[in-house]
């Protein structure tokens, strides 16, 4: 059962959670998350907003850098302590739900009689 209320644990969400869990102390900005999780902005940002609404992710704007050269400020995201706990539980549950075959056991080809 998903502990992320109102959010289904989809493959894109799994990818985002894995990026966050790769280094839980790292703050990640949106474009960085988009590249690492291979997601478009229209998928990523609504997901981050829902996670933030649930208290699983925090966000913070960077202070304006002196040498930004016109680059807009970045908004950094990070899992909360509860977010880390929930992400680990969700990913572990998802891994245990995946059907596995015995090592070395051949599976019949689709459509073949076995």
Protein backbone atom coordinates (compact mmCIF):
# COMPACT_ATOMS: atom_id res chain seq x y z
CA UNK A 1 0.00 0.00 0.00
CA UNK A 2 1.29 3.41 -0.93
CA UNK A 3 2.13 5.66 2.00
CA UNK A 4 2.34 8.67 -0.26
CA UNK A 5 -1.27 9.80 0.14
CA UNK A 6 -3.03 10.54 -3.11
CA UNK A 7 0.07 9.78 -5.18
CA UNK A 8 0.43 6.50 -7.02
CA UNK A 9 3.96 5.11 -7.03
CA UNK A 10 4.56 5.36 -10.77
CA UNK A 11 7.79 4.63 -12.63
CA UNK A 12 8.52 8.37 -12.95
CA UNK A 13 8.01 8.84 -9.20
CA UNK A 14 10.26 5.85 -8.52
CA UNK A 15 12.98 7.45 -10.64
CA UNK A 16 12.70 10.76 -8.77
CA UNK A 17 12.82 9.04 -5.39
CA UNK A 18 15.89 7.05 -6.45
CA UNK A 19 17.65 10.26 -7.50
CA UNK A 20 16.89 11.82 -4.12
CA UNK A 21 17.97 8.69 -2.22
CA UNK A 22 21.27 8.45 -4.11
CA UNK A 23 22.50 11.24 -1.82
CA UNK A 24 19.95 12.22 0.82
CA UNK A 25 22.02 15.18 1.99
CA UNK A 26 22.18 16.74 -1.48
CA UNK A 27 19.86 19.54 -2.49
CA UNK A 28 18.73 19.10 -6.10
CA UNK A 29 17.40 21.84 -8.37
CA UNK A 30 14.65 21.21 -10.89
CA UNK A 31 16.70 20.98 -14.07
CA UNK A 32 19.17 18.67 -12.34
CA UNK A 33 16.29 16.41 -11.27
CA UNK A 34 14.81 16.50 -14.77
CA UNK A 35 18.08 15.29 -16.29
CA UNK A 36 18.83 12.69 -13.61
CA UNK A 37 15.31 11.21 -13.62
CA UNK A 38 14.86 11.66 -17.39
CA UNK A 39 11.54 13.44 -16.98
CA UNK A 40 9.97 16.46 -18.65
CA UNK A 41 9.19 19.52 -16.54
CA UNK A 42 5.43 18.94 -16.93
CA UNK A 43 5.80 15.61 -15.13
CA UNK A 44 8.43 16.59 -12.57
CA UNK A 45 7.16 19.86 -11.13
CA UNK A 46 3.58 18.74 -10.34
CA UNK A 47 5.09 15.64 -8.69
CA UNK A 48 7.42 17.80 -6.57
CA UNK A 49 4.50 20.06 -5.60
CA UNK A 50 2.45 17.06 -4.40
CA UNK A 51 5.40 15.67 -2.43
CA UNK A 52 5.98 19.07 -0.87
CA UNK A 53 2.28 19.40 0.04
CA UNK A 54 2.62 16.11 1.93
CA UNK A 55 5.73 17.25 3.79
CA UNK A 56 7.99 14.72 2.07
CA UNK A 57 10.05 17.31 0.19
CA UNK A 58 11.19 20.80 1.13
CA UNK A 59 12.18 23.53 -1.27
CA UNK A 60 14.22 26.67 -0.97
CA UNK A 61 15.27 29.38 -3.41
CA UNK A 62 18.99 29.97 -3.66
CA UNK A 63 20.26 33.38 -2.64
CA UNK A 64 20.92 35.53 -5.69
CA UNK A 65 24.50 34.84 -6.76
CA UNK A 66 26.68 37.88 -7.44
CA UNK A 67 27.90 36.46 -10.75
CA UNK A 68 24.66 34.92 -12.07
CA UNK A 69 25.12 36.57 -15.49
CA UNK A 70 21.36 36.72 -15.99
CA UNK A 71 20.66 33.16 -14.86
CA UNK A 72 17.45 33.01 -12.83
CA UNK A 73 17.73 31.79 -9.23
CA UNK A 74 17.39 28.06 -8.70
CA UNK A 75 14.86 26.40 -6.46
CA UNK A 76 16.44 23.51 -4.57
CA UNK A 77 14.52 20.44 -3.39
CA UNK A 78 15.43 17.89 -0.74
CA UNK A 79 13.66 14.98 0.92
CA UNK A 80 12.62 15.56 4.52
CA UNK A 81 13.39 12.96 7.17
CA UNK A 82 9.88 11.59 6.71
CA UNK A 83 10.35 11.73 2.94
CA UNK A 84 13.49 9.61 3.20
CA UNK A 85 11.69 7.06 5.36
CA UNK A 86 8.64 6.89 3.08
CA UNK A 87 10.74 6.77 -0.11
CA UNK A 88 12.79 3.85 1.20
CA UNK A 89 9.65 1.98 2.27
CA UNK A 90 7.89 2.61 -1.03
CA UNK A 91 10.84 1.50 -3.13
CA UNK A 92 11.36 -1.60 -0.99
CA UNK A 93 7.67 -2.46 -1.33
CA UNK A 94 7.79 -1.91 -5.10
CA UNK A 95 10.83 -4.18 -5.35
CA UNK A 96 9.11 -6.93 -3.38
CA UNK A 97 6.02 -6.70 -5.62
CA UNK A 98 8.01 -7.44 -8.79
CA UNK A 99 7.51 -11.06 -9.86
CA UNK A 100 10.82 -12.87 -10.01
CA UNK A 101 11.86 -16.02 -11.82
CA UNK A 102 14.26 -18.52 -10.33
CA UNK A 103 17.85 -17.99 -11.38
CA UNK A 104 18.56 -19.98 -14.52
CA UNK A 105 14.91 -20.86 -15.14
CA UNK A 106 13.87 -20.31 -18.71
CA UNK A 107 10.50 -18.74 -19.35
CA UNK A 108 8.50 -19.80 -22.40
CA UNK A 109 8.29 -17.31 -25.25
CA UNK A 110 5.00 -15.42 -25.48
CA UNK A 111 2.46 -17.39 -27.48
CA UNK A 112 4.37 -20.68 -27.29
CA UNK A 113 2.91 -23.79 -25.73
CA UNK A 114 4.67 -24.95 -22.61
